[in-house]
N, C-alpha and C. Protein backbone atom coordinates (compact mmCIF):
# COMPACT_ATOMS: atom_id res chain seq x y z
N MET A 1 11.40 13.69 1.16
CA MET A 1 9.94 13.59 1.24
C MET A 1 9.47 12.20 0.80
N LEU A 2 10.14 11.63 -0.20
CA LEU A 2 9.77 10.31 -0.68
C LEU A 2 9.96 9.26 0.41
N ALA A 3 11.04 9.35 1.16
CA ALA A 3 11.30 8.39 2.24
C ALA A 3 10.20 8.48 3.29
N ALA A 4 9.81 9.69 3.65
CA ALA A 4 8.76 9.88 4.66
C ALA A 4 7.43 9.32 4.17
N THR A 5 7.15 9.50 2.90
CA THR A 5 5.91 8.96 2.33
C THR A 5 5.91 7.44 2.38
N ARG A 6 7.02 6.85 1.97
CA ARG A 6 7.12 5.38 1.97
C ARG A 6 7.02 4.82 3.40
N ILE A 7 7.69 5.47 4.33
CA ILE A 7 7.63 5.02 5.73
C ILE A 7 6.20 5.11 6.23
N SER A 8 5.50 6.18 5.91
CA SER A 8 4.10 6.33 6.34
C SER A 8 3.22 5.26 5.72
N GLN A 9 3.50 4.88 4.48
CA GLN A 9 2.70 3.84 3.84
C GLN A 9 2.91 2.48 4.49
N VAL A 10 4.16 2.11 4.73
CA VAL A 10 4.42 0.78 5.30
C VAL A 10 4.14 0.72 6.79
N SER A 11 4.01 1.88 7.43
CA SER A 11 3.71 1.89 8.86
C SER A 11 2.28 2.31 9.15
N SER A 12 1.43 2.23 8.15
CA SER A 12 0.03 2.58 8.39
C SER A 12 -0.53 1.61 9.43
N PRO A 13 -1.48 2.05 10.25
CA PRO A 13 -2.04 1.17 11.27
C PRO A 13 -2.52 -0.17 10.72
N THR A 14 -3.13 -0.16 9.54
CA THR A 14 -3.62 -1.40 8.94
C THR A 14 -2.48 -2.37 8.65
N VAL A 15 -1.43 -1.87 8.04
CA VAL A 15 -0.28 -2.72 7.71
C VAL A 15 0.39 -3.23 8.97
N LEU A 16 0.63 -2.34 9.93
CA LEU A 16 1.30 -2.76 11.17
C LEU A 16 0.50 -3.82 11.92
N LEU A 17 -0.81 -3.63 12.02
CA LEU A 17 -1.63 -4.62 12.72
C LEU A 17 -1.67 -5.94 11.96
N ALA A 18 -1.65 -5.88 10.64
CA ALA A 18 -1.64 -7.11 9.85
C ALA A 18 -0.36 -7.91 10.08
N VAL A 19 0.73 -7.24 10.34
CA VAL A 19 1.99 -7.92 10.65
C VAL A 19 2.03 -8.34 12.12
N LEU A 20 1.56 -7.45 12.99
CA LEU A 20 1.64 -7.69 14.44
C LEU A 20 0.83 -8.90 14.89
N TYR A 21 -0.38 -9.04 14.40
CA TYR A 21 -1.25 -10.11 14.89
C TYR A 21 -0.64 -11.51 14.74
N PRO A 22 -0.16 -11.90 13.56
CA PRO A 22 0.43 -13.24 13.46
C PRO A 22 1.69 -13.41 14.31
N VAL A 23 2.46 -12.34 14.44
CA VAL A 23 3.66 -12.43 15.28
C VAL A 23 3.27 -12.66 16.73
N VAL A 24 2.30 -11.91 17.21
CA VAL A 24 1.83 -12.10 18.59
C VAL A 24 1.24 -13.50 18.75
N GLY A 25 0.49 -13.95 17.76
CA GLY A 25 -0.06 -15.31 17.82
C GLY A 25 1.04 -16.35 17.94
N ALA A 26 2.10 -16.19 17.15
CA ALA A 26 3.22 -17.14 17.21
C ALA A 26 3.95 -17.06 18.55
N LEU A 27 4.17 -15.85 19.04
CA LEU A 27 4.85 -15.69 20.34
C LEU A 27 4.02 -16.27 21.47
N ALA A 28 2.69 -16.11 21.38
CA ALA A 28 1.81 -16.53 22.46
C ALA A 28 1.49 -18.02 22.45
N ALA A 29 1.32 -18.59 21.25
CA ALA A 29 0.84 -19.98 21.21
C ALA A 29 1.33 -20.75 20.00
N GLY A 30 2.45 -20.37 19.42
CA GLY A 30 2.98 -21.10 18.27
C GLY A 30 2.04 -21.02 17.07
N TRP A 31 2.11 -22.05 16.21
CA TRP A 31 1.29 -22.03 14.99
C TRP A 31 -0.21 -21.97 15.26
N PRO A 32 -0.74 -22.63 16.29
CA PRO A 32 -2.18 -22.45 16.55
C PRO A 32 -2.53 -21.00 16.87
N GLY A 33 -1.61 -20.30 17.52
CA GLY A 33 -1.83 -18.89 17.82
C GLY A 33 -1.91 -18.03 16.57
N VAL A 34 -1.16 -18.40 15.55
CA VAL A 34 -1.23 -17.66 14.28
C VAL A 34 -2.62 -17.80 13.69
N GLY A 35 -3.20 -18.99 13.76
CA GLY A 35 -4.57 -19.19 13.27
C GLY A 35 -5.56 -18.31 14.01
N TRP A 36 -5.43 -18.27 15.32
CA TRP A 36 -6.32 -17.42 16.12
C TRP A 36 -6.12 -15.94 15.77
N SER A 37 -4.88 -15.56 15.53
CA SER A 37 -4.61 -14.16 15.21
C SER A 37 -5.27 -13.76 13.89
N LEU A 38 -5.37 -14.70 12.97
CA LEU A 38 -6.03 -14.40 11.70
C LEU A 38 -7.51 -14.10 11.91
N VAL A 39 -8.13 -14.78 12.86
CA VAL A 39 -9.52 -14.48 13.20
C VAL A 39 -9.63 -13.05 13.73
N GLY A 40 -8.72 -12.70 14.64
CA GLY A 40 -8.72 -11.34 15.18
C GLY A 40 -8.51 -10.29 14.10
N MET A 41 -7.65 -10.62 13.13
CA MET A 41 -7.35 -9.67 12.05
C MET A 41 -8.56 -9.35 11.19
N VAL A 42 -9.47 -10.28 11.05
CA VAL A 42 -10.67 -9.99 10.26
C VAL A 42 -11.39 -8.78 10.84
N PHE A 43 -11.49 -8.74 12.17
CA PHE A 43 -12.24 -7.68 12.84
C PHE A 43 -11.41 -6.44 13.14
N THR A 44 -10.09 -6.60 13.20
CA THR A 44 -9.22 -5.49 13.57
C THR A 44 -8.56 -4.85 12.36
N VAL A 45 -8.37 -5.61 11.31
CA VAL A 45 -7.68 -5.10 10.13
C VAL A 45 -8.61 -5.05 8.91
N ALA A 46 -9.18 -6.18 8.53
CA ALA A 46 -9.94 -6.26 7.28
C ALA A 46 -11.19 -5.38 7.30
N ILE A 47 -12.02 -5.53 8.31
CA ILE A 47 -13.27 -4.75 8.34
C ILE A 47 -12.99 -3.25 8.50
N PRO A 48 -12.13 -2.83 9.45
CA PRO A 48 -11.84 -1.38 9.52
C PRO A 48 -11.22 -0.83 8.23
N ALA A 49 -10.34 -1.59 7.58
CA ALA A 49 -9.76 -1.12 6.31
C ALA A 49 -10.84 -0.96 5.25
N ALA A 50 -11.78 -1.88 5.23
CA ALA A 50 -12.89 -1.79 4.27
C ALA A 50 -13.76 -0.57 4.56
N ILE A 51 -13.99 -0.29 5.83
CA ILE A 51 -14.79 0.89 6.22
C ILE A 51 -14.14 2.16 5.69
N VAL A 52 -12.84 2.29 5.90
CA VAL A 52 -12.12 3.48 5.44
C VAL A 52 -12.09 3.51 3.91
N ASP A 53 -11.84 2.39 3.28
CA ASP A 53 -11.76 2.34 1.82
C ASP A 53 -13.08 2.77 1.17
N VAL A 54 -14.17 2.24 1.69
CA VAL A 54 -15.49 2.63 1.16
C VAL A 54 -15.72 4.12 1.37
N GLY A 55 -15.34 4.63 2.53
CA GLY A 55 -15.49 6.06 2.80
C GLY A 55 -14.68 6.94 1.87
N VAL A 56 -13.46 6.50 1.57
CA VAL A 56 -12.61 7.25 0.64
C VAL A 56 -13.22 7.22 -0.76
N ARG A 57 -13.65 6.05 -1.19
CA ARG A 57 -14.24 5.91 -2.54
C ARG A 57 -15.50 6.75 -2.69
N ARG A 58 -16.27 6.89 -1.62
CA ARG A 58 -17.51 7.67 -1.68
C ARG A 58 -17.28 9.15 -1.40
N GLY A 59 -16.03 9.52 -1.12
CA GLY A 59 -15.71 10.92 -0.90
C GLY A 59 -15.96 11.41 0.51
N ARG A 60 -16.25 10.53 1.43
CA ARG A 60 -16.50 10.94 2.82
C ARG A 60 -15.20 11.28 3.55
N TYR A 61 -14.12 10.58 3.17
CA TYR A 61 -12.82 10.80 3.80
C TYR A 61 -11.82 11.22 2.73
N THR A 62 -10.96 12.12 3.09
CA THR A 62 -9.97 12.66 2.16
C THR A 62 -8.98 11.60 1.70
N ASP A 63 -8.53 10.75 2.63
CA ASP A 63 -7.53 9.74 2.29
C ASP A 63 -7.60 8.58 3.27
N HIS A 64 -6.83 7.53 2.97
CA HIS A 64 -6.83 6.32 3.81
C HIS A 64 -6.15 6.52 5.16
N HIS A 65 -5.38 7.60 5.30
CA HIS A 65 -4.73 7.89 6.58
C HIS A 65 -5.65 8.68 7.51
N LEU A 66 -6.84 9.02 7.04
CA LEU A 66 -7.78 9.84 7.81
C LEU A 66 -7.08 11.09 8.34
N SER A 67 -6.43 11.80 7.43
CA SER A 67 -5.60 12.94 7.79
C SER A 67 -6.38 14.08 8.45
N ARG A 68 -7.64 14.23 8.07
CA ARG A 68 -8.44 15.31 8.66
C ARG A 68 -9.13 14.81 9.93
N ARG A 69 -8.81 15.48 11.04
CA ARG A 69 -9.31 15.06 12.35
C ARG A 69 -10.82 14.93 12.38
N GLU A 70 -11.52 15.84 11.77
CA GLU A 70 -12.98 15.83 11.82
C GLU A 70 -13.59 14.65 11.06
N GLN A 71 -12.80 13.96 10.26
CA GLN A 71 -13.28 12.78 9.52
C GLN A 71 -12.99 11.47 10.25
N ARG A 72 -12.39 11.51 11.41
CA ARG A 72 -11.95 10.30 12.08
C ARG A 72 -13.00 9.63 12.97
N ALA A 73 -13.88 10.37 13.57
CA ALA A 73 -14.78 9.83 14.59
C ALA A 73 -15.63 8.66 14.07
N VAL A 74 -16.26 8.81 12.94
CA VAL A 74 -17.15 7.75 12.43
C VAL A 74 -16.38 6.48 12.07
N PRO A 75 -15.32 6.56 11.24
CA PRO A 75 -14.62 5.31 10.92
C PRO A 75 -13.95 4.67 12.14
N LEU A 76 -13.45 5.48 13.06
CA LEU A 76 -12.85 4.91 14.27
C LEU A 76 -13.92 4.28 15.16
N GLY A 77 -15.07 4.92 15.25
CA GLY A 77 -16.18 4.34 16.03
C GLY A 77 -16.65 3.02 15.44
N LEU A 78 -16.80 2.97 14.11
CA LEU A 78 -17.20 1.73 13.46
C LEU A 78 -16.12 0.66 13.61
N SER A 79 -14.86 1.08 13.55
CA SER A 79 -13.76 0.14 13.75
C SER A 79 -13.78 -0.43 15.16
N ALA A 80 -14.06 0.42 16.14
CA ALA A 80 -14.15 -0.05 17.52
C ALA A 80 -15.27 -1.09 17.66
N ALA A 81 -16.40 -0.85 16.99
CA ALA A 81 -17.49 -1.83 17.03
C ALA A 81 -17.06 -3.15 16.42
N SER A 82 -16.31 -3.10 15.32
CA SER A 82 -15.82 -4.31 14.69
C SER A 82 -14.85 -5.06 15.61
N VAL A 83 -13.94 -4.33 16.23
CA VAL A 83 -12.98 -4.95 17.16
C VAL A 83 -13.72 -5.58 18.33
N LEU A 84 -14.77 -4.93 18.81
CA LEU A 84 -15.56 -5.48 19.92
C LEU A 84 -16.23 -6.80 19.51
N VAL A 85 -16.78 -6.85 18.31
CA VAL A 85 -17.37 -8.10 17.82
C VAL A 85 -16.30 -9.18 17.74
N GLY A 86 -15.12 -8.81 17.23
CA GLY A 86 -14.01 -9.75 17.17
C GLY A 86 -13.60 -10.25 18.54
N LEU A 87 -13.62 -9.37 19.51
CA LEU A 87 -13.30 -9.76 20.89
C LEU A 87 -14.30 -10.79 21.40
N ALA A 88 -15.57 -10.57 21.13
CA ALA A 88 -16.60 -11.54 21.55
C ALA A 88 -16.38 -12.89 20.87
N VAL A 89 -16.10 -12.87 19.57
CA VAL A 89 -15.86 -14.11 18.83
C VAL A 89 -14.66 -14.85 19.42
N LEU A 90 -13.55 -14.15 19.61
CA LEU A 90 -12.34 -14.78 20.15
C LEU A 90 -12.56 -15.31 21.57
N GLY A 91 -13.25 -14.51 22.37
CA GLY A 91 -13.52 -14.93 23.75
C GLY A 91 -14.39 -16.17 23.83
N PHE A 92 -15.49 -16.18 23.09
CA PHE A 92 -16.40 -17.33 23.12
C PHE A 92 -15.80 -18.57 22.47
N ALA A 93 -14.91 -18.36 21.50
CA ALA A 93 -14.32 -19.51 20.81
C ALA A 93 -13.13 -20.10 21.56
N GLY A 94 -12.70 -19.43 22.62
CA GLY A 94 -11.60 -19.97 23.43
C GLY A 94 -10.21 -19.67 22.90
N ALA A 95 -10.03 -18.51 22.30
CA ALA A 95 -8.71 -18.11 21.78
C ALA A 95 -7.71 -17.98 22.92
N PRO A 96 -6.42 -18.12 22.61
CA PRO A 96 -5.39 -17.94 23.65
C PRO A 96 -5.51 -16.57 24.31
N ARG A 97 -5.19 -16.53 25.56
CA ARG A 97 -5.33 -15.32 26.37
C ARG A 97 -4.59 -14.12 25.77
N ALA A 98 -3.40 -14.34 25.22
CA ALA A 98 -2.63 -13.23 24.66
C ALA A 98 -3.33 -12.62 23.44
N ILE A 99 -3.98 -13.44 22.62
CA ILE A 99 -4.71 -12.92 21.46
C ILE A 99 -5.92 -12.12 21.92
N VAL A 100 -6.62 -12.63 22.91
CA VAL A 100 -7.77 -11.90 23.46
C VAL A 100 -7.29 -10.59 24.08
N ALA A 101 -6.18 -10.64 24.82
CA ALA A 101 -5.64 -9.42 25.43
C ALA A 101 -5.23 -8.41 24.36
N LEU A 102 -4.64 -8.87 23.27
CA LEU A 102 -4.27 -7.95 22.19
C LEU A 102 -5.53 -7.31 21.61
N GLN A 103 -6.58 -8.08 21.45
CA GLN A 103 -7.84 -7.54 20.93
C GLN A 103 -8.40 -6.48 21.88
N VAL A 104 -8.32 -6.75 23.18
CA VAL A 104 -8.77 -5.76 24.16
C VAL A 104 -7.91 -4.50 24.07
N ALA A 105 -6.59 -4.68 23.95
CA ALA A 105 -5.70 -3.53 23.85
C ALA A 105 -6.02 -2.68 22.63
N VAL A 106 -6.28 -3.33 21.50
CA VAL A 106 -6.63 -2.58 20.29
C VAL A 106 -7.95 -1.84 20.52
N LEU A 107 -8.93 -2.51 21.11
CA LEU A 107 -10.22 -1.88 21.36
C LEU A 107 -10.08 -0.66 22.26
N VAL A 108 -9.40 -0.82 23.38
CA VAL A 108 -9.25 0.30 24.31
C VAL A 108 -8.46 1.44 23.67
N THR A 109 -7.42 1.10 22.91
CA THR A 109 -6.63 2.13 22.24
C THR A 109 -7.49 2.90 21.23
N VAL A 110 -8.28 2.18 20.45
CA VAL A 110 -9.15 2.86 19.47
C VAL A 110 -10.14 3.77 20.19
N LEU A 111 -10.71 3.29 21.29
CA LEU A 111 -11.67 4.12 22.03
C LEU A 111 -11.01 5.37 22.61
N VAL A 112 -9.82 5.22 23.19
CA VAL A 112 -9.11 6.36 23.77
C VAL A 112 -8.71 7.35 22.68
N VAL A 113 -8.14 6.83 21.58
CA VAL A 113 -7.72 7.71 20.48
C VAL A 113 -8.93 8.41 19.87
N THR A 114 -10.04 7.71 19.75
CA THR A 114 -11.26 8.33 19.21
C THR A 114 -11.73 9.45 20.12
N ALA A 115 -11.72 9.21 21.43
CA ALA A 115 -12.14 10.25 22.38
C ALA A 115 -11.23 11.48 22.28
N VAL A 116 -9.93 11.26 22.19
CA VAL A 116 -8.99 12.37 22.05
C VAL A 116 -9.21 13.09 20.73
N THR A 117 -9.45 12.31 19.67
CA THR A 117 -9.62 12.87 18.33
C THR A 117 -10.83 13.79 18.23
N LEU A 118 -11.80 13.63 19.07
CA LEU A 118 -12.96 14.52 19.03
C LEU A 118 -12.55 15.96 19.30
N ALA A 119 -11.44 16.15 20.05
CA ALA A 119 -11.00 17.50 20.37
C ALA A 119 -9.65 17.85 19.78
N TRP A 120 -8.82 16.83 19.50
CA TRP A 120 -7.44 17.11 19.10
C TRP A 120 -6.91 15.95 18.28
N LYS A 121 -6.13 16.23 17.27
CA LYS A 121 -5.59 15.19 16.40
C LYS A 121 -4.39 14.51 17.06
N VAL A 122 -4.39 13.19 17.03
CA VAL A 122 -3.27 12.41 17.57
C VAL A 122 -2.77 11.49 16.45
N SER A 123 -1.50 11.14 16.47
CA SER A 123 -0.95 10.30 15.41
C SER A 123 -1.34 8.84 15.60
N LEU A 124 -2.19 8.34 14.70
CA LEU A 124 -2.57 6.92 14.73
C LEU A 124 -1.38 6.05 14.33
N HIS A 125 -0.57 6.52 13.39
CA HIS A 125 0.61 5.77 12.98
C HIS A 125 1.52 5.50 14.17
N VAL A 126 1.84 6.56 14.91
CA VAL A 126 2.76 6.42 16.03
C VAL A 126 2.10 5.67 17.19
N ALA A 127 0.81 5.84 17.37
CA ALA A 127 0.11 5.08 18.41
C ALA A 127 0.24 3.58 18.15
N VAL A 128 0.06 3.17 16.91
CA VAL A 128 0.11 1.74 16.59
C VAL A 128 1.54 1.21 16.63
N VAL A 129 2.51 1.99 16.13
CA VAL A 129 3.89 1.50 16.19
C VAL A 129 4.37 1.45 17.64
N GLY A 130 3.94 2.38 18.48
CA GLY A 130 4.27 2.32 19.91
C GLY A 130 3.63 1.12 20.59
N ALA A 131 2.37 0.85 20.24
CA ALA A 131 1.68 -0.32 20.79
C ALA A 131 2.36 -1.60 20.34
N ALA A 132 2.75 -1.65 19.07
CA ALA A 132 3.42 -2.85 18.55
C ALA A 132 4.74 -3.09 19.26
N ALA A 133 5.53 -2.04 19.43
CA ALA A 133 6.81 -2.18 20.14
C ALA A 133 6.60 -2.65 21.57
N CYS A 134 5.58 -2.12 22.20
CA CYS A 134 5.28 -2.51 23.58
C CYS A 134 4.89 -3.98 23.67
N VAL A 135 3.97 -4.43 22.83
CA VAL A 135 3.52 -5.82 22.90
C VAL A 135 4.65 -6.78 22.53
N LEU A 136 5.45 -6.42 21.55
CA LEU A 136 6.55 -7.30 21.16
C LEU A 136 7.60 -7.40 22.27
N THR A 137 7.85 -6.29 22.94
CA THR A 137 8.82 -6.30 24.04
C THR A 137 8.29 -7.10 25.22
N LEU A 138 7.03 -6.89 25.57
CA LEU A 138 6.47 -7.59 26.73
C LEU A 138 6.28 -9.09 26.50
N LEU A 139 5.89 -9.46 25.29
CA LEU A 139 5.65 -10.88 25.01
C LEU A 139 6.90 -11.62 24.52
N GLY A 140 7.74 -10.93 23.76
CA GLY A 140 8.90 -11.59 23.17
C GLY A 140 10.20 -11.34 23.91
N GLY A 141 10.31 -10.15 24.52
CA GLY A 141 11.53 -9.81 25.22
C GLY A 141 12.73 -9.77 24.30
N GLY A 142 13.91 -9.76 24.89
CA GLY A 142 15.16 -9.84 24.15
C GLY A 142 15.23 -8.93 22.94
N TRP A 143 15.54 -9.55 21.80
CA TRP A 143 15.71 -8.81 20.56
C TRP A 143 14.45 -8.07 20.11
N TRP A 144 13.29 -8.53 20.55
CA TRP A 144 12.04 -7.86 20.15
C TRP A 144 12.00 -6.41 20.64
N ALA A 145 12.78 -6.10 21.68
CA ALA A 145 12.81 -4.72 22.18
C ALA A 145 13.39 -3.75 21.15
N LEU A 146 14.12 -4.28 20.18
CA LEU A 146 14.64 -3.42 19.10
C LEU A 146 13.52 -2.81 18.26
N SER A 147 12.31 -3.36 18.38
CA SER A 147 11.18 -2.80 17.63
C SER A 147 10.91 -1.35 18.03
N TRP A 148 11.38 -0.94 19.20
CA TRP A 148 11.21 0.45 19.64
C TRP A 148 11.95 1.42 18.71
N LEU A 149 12.96 0.92 17.98
CA LEU A 149 13.69 1.78 17.05
C LEU A 149 12.79 2.28 15.91
N ALA A 150 11.70 1.58 15.66
CA ALA A 150 10.78 2.02 14.61
C ALA A 150 9.98 3.25 15.02
N VAL A 151 9.82 3.46 16.32
CA VAL A 151 8.98 4.59 16.78
C VAL A 151 9.53 5.93 16.32
N PRO A 152 10.80 6.26 16.56
CA PRO A 152 11.27 7.57 16.08
C PRO A 152 11.30 7.69 14.56
N VAL A 153 11.48 6.58 13.87
CA VAL A 153 11.49 6.62 12.40
C VAL A 153 10.09 7.00 11.89
N VAL A 154 9.07 6.34 12.43
CA VAL A 154 7.70 6.65 12.01
C VAL A 154 7.32 8.06 12.45
N ALA A 155 7.72 8.45 13.66
CA ALA A 155 7.43 9.81 14.13
C ALA A 155 8.07 10.84 13.20
N TRP A 156 9.33 10.59 12.82
CA TRP A 156 10.01 11.51 11.90
C TRP A 156 9.23 11.62 10.59
N ALA A 157 8.79 10.50 10.05
CA ALA A 157 8.06 10.52 8.78
C ALA A 157 6.78 11.33 8.88
N ARG A 158 6.05 11.15 9.96
CA ARG A 158 4.79 11.89 10.12
C ARG A 158 5.06 13.39 10.30
N LEU A 159 6.15 13.72 11.00
CA LEU A 159 6.52 15.12 11.16
C LEU A 159 7.02 15.71 9.84
N ARG A 160 7.81 14.96 9.12
CA ARG A 160 8.37 15.42 7.85
C ARG A 160 7.26 15.71 6.85
N LEU A 161 6.20 14.93 6.88
CA LEU A 161 5.07 15.14 5.98
C LEU A 161 4.12 16.22 6.50
N THR A 162 4.45 16.80 7.62
CA THR A 162 3.62 17.79 8.33
C THR A 162 2.20 17.27 8.59
N ALA A 163 2.11 15.97 8.79
CA ALA A 163 0.82 15.36 9.13
C ALA A 163 0.49 15.57 10.61
N HIS A 164 1.53 15.80 11.42
CA HIS A 164 1.35 15.95 12.87
C HIS A 164 2.39 16.90 13.44
N THR A 165 2.10 17.33 14.65
CA THR A 165 3.07 18.12 15.43
C THR A 165 3.85 17.15 16.32
N VAL A 166 4.89 17.66 16.94
CA VAL A 166 5.68 16.84 17.87
C VAL A 166 4.77 16.34 18.99
N ALA A 167 3.93 17.19 19.53
CA ALA A 167 3.04 16.78 20.61
C ALA A 167 2.11 15.65 20.17
N GLN A 168 1.62 15.71 18.95
CA GLN A 168 0.69 14.69 18.46
C GLN A 168 1.36 13.33 18.29
N VAL A 169 2.64 13.31 17.89
CA VAL A 169 3.31 12.02 17.77
C VAL A 169 3.71 11.49 19.14
N VAL A 170 4.11 12.37 20.06
CA VAL A 170 4.46 11.93 21.42
C VAL A 170 3.24 11.36 22.12
N VAL A 171 2.12 12.07 22.04
CA VAL A 171 0.90 11.59 22.68
C VAL A 171 0.44 10.29 22.03
N GLY A 172 0.58 10.18 20.72
CA GLY A 172 0.23 8.92 20.04
C GLY A 172 1.01 7.76 20.60
N CYS A 173 2.32 7.93 20.75
CA CYS A 173 3.16 6.85 21.28
C CYS A 173 2.79 6.52 22.72
N VAL A 174 2.59 7.54 23.54
CA VAL A 174 2.24 7.31 24.95
C VAL A 174 0.91 6.58 25.06
N LEU A 175 -0.08 6.99 24.27
CA LEU A 175 -1.38 6.32 24.31
C LEU A 175 -1.27 4.88 23.82
N GLY A 176 -0.65 4.67 22.67
CA GLY A 176 -0.56 3.33 22.10
C GLY A 176 0.19 2.37 23.02
N ALA A 177 1.39 2.77 23.43
CA ALA A 177 2.21 1.91 24.28
C ALA A 177 1.62 1.79 25.69
N GLY A 178 1.13 2.91 26.21
CA GLY A 178 0.60 2.90 27.57
C GLY A 178 -0.63 2.02 27.72
N VAL A 179 -1.58 2.18 26.82
CA VAL A 179 -2.80 1.37 26.88
C VAL A 179 -2.47 -0.11 26.66
N THR A 180 -1.66 -0.39 25.65
CA THR A 180 -1.31 -1.78 25.35
C THR A 180 -0.58 -2.43 26.51
N GLY A 181 0.41 -1.74 27.04
CA GLY A 181 1.15 -2.29 28.18
C GLY A 181 0.26 -2.54 29.37
N ALA A 182 -0.60 -1.59 29.68
CA ALA A 182 -1.50 -1.75 30.83
C ALA A 182 -2.43 -2.94 30.63
N VAL A 183 -3.00 -3.08 29.45
CA VAL A 183 -3.93 -4.19 29.19
C VAL A 183 -3.20 -5.53 29.32
N LEU A 184 -2.03 -5.65 28.72
CA LEU A 184 -1.29 -6.93 28.79
C LEU A 184 -0.87 -7.26 30.21
N LEU A 185 -0.48 -6.27 30.97
CA LEU A 185 -0.10 -6.51 32.37
C LEU A 185 -1.30 -6.90 33.22
N ILE A 186 -2.40 -6.19 33.05
CA ILE A 186 -3.62 -6.49 33.80
C ILE A 186 -4.15 -7.89 33.42
N ALA A 187 -4.04 -8.22 32.14
CA ALA A 187 -4.52 -9.55 31.68
C ALA A 187 -3.61 -10.69 32.15
N GLY A 188 -2.43 -10.32 32.63
CA GLY A 188 -1.52 -11.34 33.12
C GLY A 188 -0.79 -12.11 32.04
N VAL A 189 -0.75 -11.57 30.81
CA VAL A 189 -0.06 -12.27 29.74
C VAL A 189 1.36 -11.76 29.58
N ALA A 190 1.72 -10.73 30.32
CA ALA A 190 3.05 -10.17 30.27
C ALA A 190 3.43 -9.70 31.66
N SER A 191 4.71 -9.59 31.89
CA SER A 191 5.17 -9.04 33.17
C SER A 191 6.36 -8.14 32.88
N LEU A 192 6.57 -7.20 33.78
CA LEU A 192 7.71 -6.30 33.62
C LEU A 192 8.98 -7.06 33.94
N PRO A 193 10.06 -6.76 33.19
CA PRO A 193 11.33 -7.47 33.44
C PRO A 193 11.90 -7.17 34.82
């Protein structure tokens, strides 16, 4: 149980996105891309994390993982608004196409997951790790495809903690990877091997 808890902590969507953004920035545009990714992270990681943290402190949300489905709509909706503002900032400032595409992928994924969450709980952890594996594989290729090995590990942890059902982790992965892959392909920043 301790291993599953630790895996869930280090694979939280906030942590994964905080790691993913600079890596994508470096893959897409070297060190300047890392700078652009930090701008995106303000709107995709920092502000949404603050929204959830304030909600937890005020007793609106049970925990930082938003474990209760009925508590997810508001923080996810506010997070989507933050990501949208970040997208506008990155777009108007002339950020590299891959960073803008990643921001779009995060926005669309949050919107889709929020829509699903209104009726059914989906694993945000697995959605983000699936999205991360997809973007790393499409942009980095080669050894970056090994990032897919993290998906079953995170899925196992969420199942072990009884935070989700098998269907919820599978749908999370399909949504995260599917939306991200589609956005990157449509944006023309990645191509299928």
